[in-house]
Amino acid sequence: MNAAQLRGKFIALKNHEPADMNGLLDFARQMYLRGEISIAEYRDIARELESAGAYQPE
């Protein structure tokens, strides 16, 4: 899964666009914690979203 596929899944489930890249990163984290994506997929998505401006909260 990549960021574009994640965005599509976000829209399908929540019926609206994510507010920003951080929203997608949070969504990816939730999917990982629920076991819907592997740690490798989460890391790849997180890296892609962080390069697009997302950041982890402190």
PDB file of N, CA and C in Angstrom:
ATOM      1  N   MET A   1       0.857  -1.176   0.000  1.00  0.00           N
ATOM      2  CA  MET A   1       0.000   0.000   0.000  1.00  0.00           C
ATOM      3  C   MET A   1       0.899   1.233   0.000  1.00  0.00           C
ATOM      4  N   ASN A   2       0.491   2.231  -0.766  1.00  0.00           N
ATOM      5  CA  ASN A   2       1.218   3.492  -0.772  1.00  0.00           C
ATOM      6  C   ASN A   2       0.291   4.616  -0.294  1.00  0.00           C
ATOM      7  N   ALA A   3       0.797   5.840  -0.279  1.00  0.00           N
ATOM      8  CA  ALA A   3       0.030   6.964   0.252  1.00  0.00           C
ATOM      9  C   ALA A   3      -1.243   7.227  -0.571  1.00  0.00           C
ATOM     10  N   ALA A   4      -1.182   7.037  -1.870  1.00  0.00           N
ATOM     11  CA  ALA A   4      -2.365   7.257  -2.707  1.00  0.00           C
ATOM     12  C   ALA A   4      -3.457   6.229  -2.389  1.00  0.00           C
ATOM     13  N   GLN A   5      -3.070   4.991  -2.207  1.00  0.00           N
ATOM     14  CA  GLN A   5      -4.032   3.945  -1.848  1.00  0.00           C
ATOM     15  C   GLN A   5      -4.594   4.198  -0.447  1.00  0.00           C
ATOM     16  N   LEU A   6      -3.735   4.647   0.462  1.00  0.00           N
ATOM     17  CA  LEU A   6      -4.173   4.968   1.817  1.00  0.00           C
ATOM     18  C   LEU A   6      -5.197   6.103   1.778  1.00  0.00           C
ATOM     19  N   ARG A   7      -4.948   7.120   0.971  1.00  0.00           N
ATOM     20  CA  ARG A   7      -5.867   8.241   0.833  1.00  0.00           C
ATOM     21  C   ARG A   7      -7.224   7.750   0.310  1.00  0.00           C
ATOM     22  N   GLY A   8      -7.205   6.852  -0.678  1.00  0.00           N
ATOM     23  CA  GLY A   8      -8.441   6.286  -1.209  1.00  0.00           C
ATOM     24  C   GLY A   8      -9.216   5.521  -0.145  1.00  0.00           C
ATOM     25  N   LYS A   9      -8.507   4.758   0.666  1.00  0.00           N
ATOM     26  CA  LYS A   9      -9.160   4.003   1.734  1.00  0.00           C
ATOM     27  C   LYS A   9      -9.736   4.954   2.786  1.00  0.00           C
ATOM     28  N   PHE A  10      -9.001   6.027   3.096  1.00  0.00           N
ATOM     29  CA  PHE A  10      -9.472   7.031   4.047  1.00  0.00           C
ATOM     30  C   PHE A  10     -10.786   7.636   3.558  1.00  0.00           C
ATOM     31  N   ILE A  11     -10.822   8.043   2.292  1.00  0.00           N
ATOM     32  CA  ILE A  11     -12.026   8.652   1.712  1.00  0.00           C
ATOM     33  C   ILE A  11     -13.181   7.665   1.709  1.00  0.00           C
ATOM     34  N   ALA A  12     -12.909   6.410   1.364  1.00  0.00           N
ATOM     35  CA  ALA A  12     -13.963   5.400   1.320  1.00  0.00           C
ATOM     36  C   ALA A  12     -14.568   5.157   2.707  1.00  0.00           C
ATOM     37  N   LEU A  13     -13.740   5.155   3.738  1.00  0.00           N
ATOM     38  CA  LEU A  13     -14.232   4.873   5.080  1.00  0.00           C
ATOM     39  C   LEU A  13     -14.863   6.088   5.760  1.00  0.00           C
ATOM     40  N   LYS A  14     -14.275   7.261   5.547  1.00  0.00           N
ATOM     41  CA  LYS A  14     -14.723   8.443   6.287  1.00  0.00           C
ATOM     42  C   LYS A  14     -15.593   9.393   5.461  1.00  0.00           C
ATOM     43  N   ASN A  15     -15.704   9.145   4.173  1.00  0.00           N
ATOM     44  CA  ASN A  15     -16.543   9.949   3.268  1.00  0.00           C
ATOM     45  C   ASN A  15     -16.145  11.418   3.194  1.00  0.00           C
ATOM     46  N   HIS A  16     -14.874  11.697   3.387  1.00  0.00           N
ATOM     47  CA  HIS A  16     -14.348  13.045   3.182  1.00  0.00           C
ATOM     48  C   HIS A  16     -12.838  12.967   2.994  1.00  0.00           C
ATOM     49  N   GLU A  17     -12.284  14.044   2.445  1.00  0.00           N
ATOM     50  CA  GLU A  17     -10.847  14.129   2.226  1.00  0.00           C
ATOM     51  C   GLU A  17     -10.128  14.297   3.566  1.00  0.00           C
ATOM     52  N   PRO A  18      -8.912  13.785   3.681  1.00  0.00           N
ATOM     53  CA  PRO A  18      -8.139  14.059   4.896  1.00  0.00           C
ATOM     54  C   PRO A  18      -7.786  15.543   4.952  1.00  0.00           C
ATOM     55  N   ALA A  19      -7.764  16.115   6.148  1.00  0.00           N
ATOM     56  CA  ALA A  19      -7.489  17.545   6.303  1.00  0.00           C
ATOM     57  C   ALA A  19      -6.073  17.885   5.860  1.00  0.00           C
ATOM     58  N   ASP A  20      -5.126  16.991   6.141  1.00  0.00           N
ATOM     59  CA  ASP A  20      -3.733  17.225   5.772  1.00  0.00           C
ATOM     60  C   ASP A  20      -2.973  15.905   5.806  1.00  0.00           C
ATOM     61  N   MET A  21      -1.678  15.977   5.574  1.00  0.00           N
ATOM     62  CA  MET A  21      -0.858  14.764   5.571  1.00  0.00           C
ATOM     63  C   MET A  21      -0.812  14.122   6.955  1.00  0.00           C
ATOM     64  N   ASN A  22      -0.897  14.927   8.006  1.00  0.00           N
ATOM     65  CA  ASN A  22      -0.883  14.374   9.362  1.00  0.00           C
ATOM     66  C   ASN A  22      -2.109  13.495   9.606  1.00  0.00           C
ATOM     67  N   GLY A  23      -3.246  13.867   9.027  1.00  0.00           N
ATOM     68  CA  GLY A  23      -4.447  13.049   9.137  1.00  0.00           C
ATOM     69  C   GLY A  23      -4.249  11.680   8.510  1.00  0.00           C
ATOM     70  N   LEU A  24      -3.577  11.658   7.376  1.00  0.00           N
ATOM     71  CA  LEU A  24      -3.281  10.369   6.733  1.00  0.00           C
ATOM     72  C   LEU A  24      -2.292   9.560   7.555  1.00  0.00           C
ATOM     73  N   LEU A  25      -1.312  10.226   8.141  1.00  0.00           N
ATOM     74  CA  LEU A  25      -0.338   9.525   8.971  1.00  0.00           C
ATOM     75  C   LEU A  25      -1.023   8.913  10.192  1.00  0.00           C
ATOM     76  N   ASP A  26      -1.928   9.642  10.809  1.00  0.00           N
ATOM     77  CA  ASP A  26      -2.697   9.110  11.940  1.00  0.00           C
ATOM     78  C   ASP A  26      -3.534   7.913  11.505  1.00  0.00           C
ATOM     79  N   PHE A  27      -4.147   8.014  10.340  1.00  0.00           N
ATOM     80  CA  PHE A  27      -4.963   6.923   9.812  1.00  0.00           C
ATOM     81  C   PHE A  27      -4.106   5.682   9.573  1.00  0.00           C
ATOM     82  N   ALA A  28      -2.909   5.874   9.016  1.00  0.00           N
ATOM     83  CA  ALA A  28      -1.996   4.746   8.792  1.00  0.00           C
ATOM     84  C   ALA A  28      -1.605   4.113  10.123  1.00  0.00           C
ATOM     85  N   ARG A  29      -1.347   4.925  11.138  1.00  0.00           N
ATOM     86  CA  ARG A  29      -0.991   4.402  12.455  1.00  0.00           C
ATOM     87  C   ARG A  29      -2.131   3.573  13.019  1.00  0.00           C
ATOM     88  N   GLN A  30      -3.359   4.052  12.864  1.00  0.00           N
ATOM     89  CA  GLN A  30      -4.522   3.310  13.349  1.00  0.00           C
ATOM     90  C   GLN A  30      -4.652   1.976  12.628  1.00  0.00           C
ATOM     91  N   MET A  31      -4.429   1.983  11.316  1.00  0.00           N
ATOM     92  CA  MET A  31      -4.506   0.737  10.548  1.00  0.00           C
ATOM     93  C   MET A  31      -3.444  -0.254  11.020  1.00  0.00           C
ATOM     94  N   TYR A  32      -2.240   0.248  11.301  1.00  0.00           N
ATOM     95  CA  TYR A  32      -1.178  -0.629  11.790  1.00  0.00           C
ATOM     96  C   TYR A  32      -1.553  -1.217  13.151  1.00  0.00           C
ATOM     97  N   LEU A  33      -2.045  -0.370  14.047  1.00  0.00           N
ATOM     98  CA  LEU A  33      -2.391  -0.839  15.390  1.00  0.00           C
ATOM     99  C   LEU A  33      -3.536  -1.854  15.364  1.00  0.00           C
ATOM    100  N   ARG A  34      -4.434  -1.752  14.373  1.00  0.00           N
ATOM    101  CA  ARG A  34      -5.523  -2.724  14.237  1.00  0.00           C
ATOM    102  C   ARG A  34      -5.086  -3.973  13.480  1.00  0.00           C
ATOM    103  N   GLY A  35      -3.845  -3.991  13.007  1.00  0.00           N
ATOM    104  CA  GLY A  35      -3.332  -5.160  12.301  1.00  0.00           C
ATOM    105  C   GLY A  35      -3.735  -5.230  10.840  1.00  0.00           C
ATOM    106  N   GLU A  36      -4.182  -4.104  10.278  1.00  0.00           N
ATOM    107  CA  GLU A  36      -4.628  -4.096   8.886  1.00  0.00           C
ATOM    108  C   GLU A  36      -3.481  -3.905   7.899  1.00  0.00           C
ATOM    109  N   ILE A  37      -2.363  -3.358   8.376  1.00  0.00           N
ATOM    110  CA  ILE A  37      -1.158  -3.252   7.548  1.00  0.00           C
ATOM    111  C   ILE A  37       0.031  -3.707   8.397  1.00  0.00           C
ATOM    112  N   SER A  38       1.071  -4.164   7.728  1.00  0.00           N
ATOM    113  CA  SER A  38       2.264  -4.641   8.432  1.00  0.00           C
ATOM    114  C   SER A  38       3.139  -3.459   8.849  1.00  0.00           C
ATOM    115  N   ILE A  39       4.112  -3.737   9.705  1.00  0.00           N
ATOM    116  CA  ILE A  39       5.047  -2.699  10.128  1.00  0.00           C
ATOM    117  C   ILE A  39       5.841  -2.176   8.938  1.00  0.00           C
ATOM    118  N   ALA A  40       6.183  -3.045   8.019  1.00  0.00           N
ATOM    119  CA  ALA A  40       6.931  -2.622   6.827  1.00  0.00           C
ATOM    120  C   ALA A  40       6.099  -1.662   5.985  1.00  0.00           C
ATOM    121  N   GLU A  41       4.815  -1.982   5.801  1.00  0.00           N
ATOM    122  CA  GLU A  41       3.938  -1.091   5.046  1.00  0.00           C
ATOM    123  C   GLU A  41       3.784   0.252   5.764  1.00  0.00           C
ATOM    124  N   TYR A  42       3.619   0.200   7.090  1.00  0.00           N
ATOM    125  CA  TYR A  42       3.478   1.435   7.860  1.00  0.00           C
ATOM    126  C   TYR A  42       4.721   2.299   7.723  1.00  0.00           C
ATOM    127  N   ARG A  43       5.890   1.701   7.830  1.00  0.00           N
ATOM    128  CA  ARG A  43       7.139   2.464   7.704  1.00  0.00           C
ATOM    129  C   ARG A  43       7.263   3.103   6.329  1.00  0.00           C
ATOM    130  N   ASP A  44       6.924   2.355   5.284  1.00  0.00           N
ATOM    131  CA  ASP A  44       6.996   2.904   3.926  1.00  0.00           C
ATOM    132  C   ASP A  44       6.032   4.070   3.754  1.00  0.00           C
ATOM    133  N   ILE A  45       4.802   3.909   4.242  1.00  0.00           N
ATOM    134  CA  ILE A  45       3.802   4.971   4.135  1.00  0.00           C
ATOM    135  C   ILE A  45       4.236   6.178   4.949  1.00  0.00           C
ATOM    136  N   ALA A  46       4.721   5.944   6.176  1.00  0.00           N
ATOM    137  CA  ALA A  46       5.153   7.047   7.039  1.00  0.00           C
ATOM    138  C   ALA A  46       6.293   7.820   6.379  1.00  0.00           C
ATOM    139  N   ARG A  47       7.232   7.117   5.799  1.00  0.00           N
ATOM    140  CA  ARG A  47       8.359   7.767   5.120  1.00  0.00           C
ATOM    141  C   ARG A  47       7.856   8.623   3.954  1.00  0.00           C
ATOM    142  N   GLU A  48       6.931   8.080   3.182  1.00  0.00           N
ATOM    143  CA  GLU A  48       6.377   8.807   2.036  1.00  0.00           C
ATOM    144  C   GLU A  48       5.611  10.055   2.493  1.00  0.00           C
ATOM    145  N   LEU A  49       4.791   9.906   3.533  1.00  0.00           N
ATOM    146  CA  LEU A  49       4.014  11.046   4.027  1.00  0.00           C
ATOM    147  C   LEU A  49       4.906  12.093   4.691  1.00  0.00           C
ATOM    148  N   GLU A  50       5.938  11.660   5.403  1.00  0.00           N
ATOM    149  CA  GLU A  50       6.849  12.615   6.038  1.00  0.00           C
ATOM    150  C   GLU A  50       7.616  13.407   4.988  1.00  0.00           C
ATOM    151  N   SER A  51       7.956  12.788   3.873  1.00  0.00           N
ATOM    152  CA  SER A  51       8.637  13.526   2.809  1.00  0.00           C
ATOM    153  C   SER A  51       7.693  14.531   2.137  1.00  0.00           C
ATOM    154  N   ALA A  52       6.371  14.309   2.310  1.00  0.00           N
ATOM    155  CA  ALA A  52       5.377  15.237   1.761  1.00  0.00           C
ATOM    156  C   ALA A  52       4.934  16.291   2.790  1.00  0.00           C
ATOM    157  N   GLY A  53       5.554  16.256   3.991  1.00  0.00           N
ATOM    158  CA  GLY A  53       5.256  17.297   4.972  1.00  0.00           C
ATOM    159  C   GLY A  53       4.601  16.854   6.262  1.00  0.00           C
ATOM    160  N   ALA A  54       4.242  15.599   6.379  1.00  0.00           N
ATOM    161  CA  ALA A  54       3.636  15.126   7.629  1.00  0.00           C
ATOM    162  C   ALA A  54       4.711  15.012   8.701  1.00  0.00           C
ATOM    163  N   TYR A  55       4.294  15.100   9.949  1.00  0.00           N
ATOM    164  CA  TYR A  55       5.247  14.942  11.045  1.00  0.00           C
ATOM    165  C   TYR A  55       4.570  14.252  12.215  1.00  0.00           C
ATOM    166  N   GLN A  56       5.389  13.538  12.991  1.00  0.00           N
ATOM    167  CA  GLN A  56       4.905  12.848  14.183  1.00  0.00           C
ATOM    168  C   GLN A  56       4.763  13.868  15.302  1.00  0.00           C
ATOM    169  N   PRO A  57       3.671  13.843  16.051  1.00  0.00           N
ATOM    170  CA  PRO A  57       3.550  14.770  17.185  1.00  0.00           C
ATOM    171  C   PRO A  57       4.558  14.415  18.265  1.00  0.00           C
ATOM    172  N   GLU A  58       4.978  15.416  18.998  1.00  0.00           N
ATOM    173  CA  GLU A  58       5.967  15.188  20.052  1.00  0.00           C
ATOM    174  C   GLU A  58       5.351  14.790  21.344  1.00  0.00           C
TER     175      GLU A  58
END
